[in-house]
């Protein structure tokens, strides 16, 4: 189980400082939760991840079920021992894959529609629609394995069983993450399923792991508010705010304004899959305690480094003569020891060490950014 204590509430916004105590240590909130999809933060080992000031990681239930399988992880002593991660861990439920391998894959859209121009006025997922490559039922979802094409079924019972075998400190209820192109009627039906599955997850859970329920409802105010009230009424240890988050960022913040007042304020709130640098302070001011995102490491693998002066594309030849660190104010191992010219060379020579070094810097930079926000909340500046 976990304990959550609110240390300070802002007088200027809904931001708050908190402390989550887990069997594997404490997490000061607000906090970034870097993504370790397959029990690894890509290109970094667990010791390096800890050195980036990372407090907690989230691993992916669906992918670990496929490879290596939860039984292998369980035999290894659970996820913490398997990946040699001594700090707190979360696992998601597999609900995001219902979207990413379903309507998201079919229509090439993500959680926020603004990144997919030309589709703003479509609402082509009607009640009864099914994605091409999976089948959604009242009991769960039939997937095709992306590795061998075999059919596999994942529902609330299966998700909980897998997550219990993986053994993270915090697990999530199985849900249906909807598409921003779904109609009101489709989202309403999907929400009924998510609420039914939330109750099943609580009933099925036998471990002493903490479990978070997920609020859905897409961009529809009445559905989001109803979902927040319903999930908050159940015996969850915390809350995830999931699903698609509107047509643009403005709509995302409206959704947070609808949801957060309807959640039990004594429990932590996790925003699933959002964490662009420009959004972090805003989501914290909106009342979010935890948020997971692949941005720092995904961008790093493509040669993009974050600095106080903006993003740097280190694949560009102009950096070959640049003797500055990525960010002269950054105290991370990379900025203390390597220059932009060398990092640029690594990317242009297609050396994997470049990806590793920039992943380390980006994670440190993001964690440091959030640490500074915690200090500003402490000083009543936010």
Foldseek 3Di string as FASTA:
>chain_A
DKAKDWPAAFPVFRFTWMWIQFPLGIDIWLFEAEEPAQLHLPLDAQVLLVQLVHAEYEYELVVVCVPPRLQVQLVCVASCSVRVHRHAYEYEQCQVCLCVVFVCVVPVADLAQQVPPPCLPAQPAEAPDTGPAKGQDLFFIWGQDPPPRHIDTGGQLNSLVSCVSNPGQEYEFHAHAEDLSHDQNNLVVRLVSLLVSLVVNVVNHDDPHAYAYEQHRELDLVRRLVSLLSSQVDDHQAYEYGHRQYHDVVSNLVSLVSRVVNHDLSHAYEYEADDDPVCVLVVSSSNHTYYYYNVQLVVLQQQWAQEPVGIDRLLDQVQLPFFAFPYCPDPRPRNVPHGSNVLNVCVPVVPCVSSNSRSSRSSSVSRVSRVVVSVCSVVSND
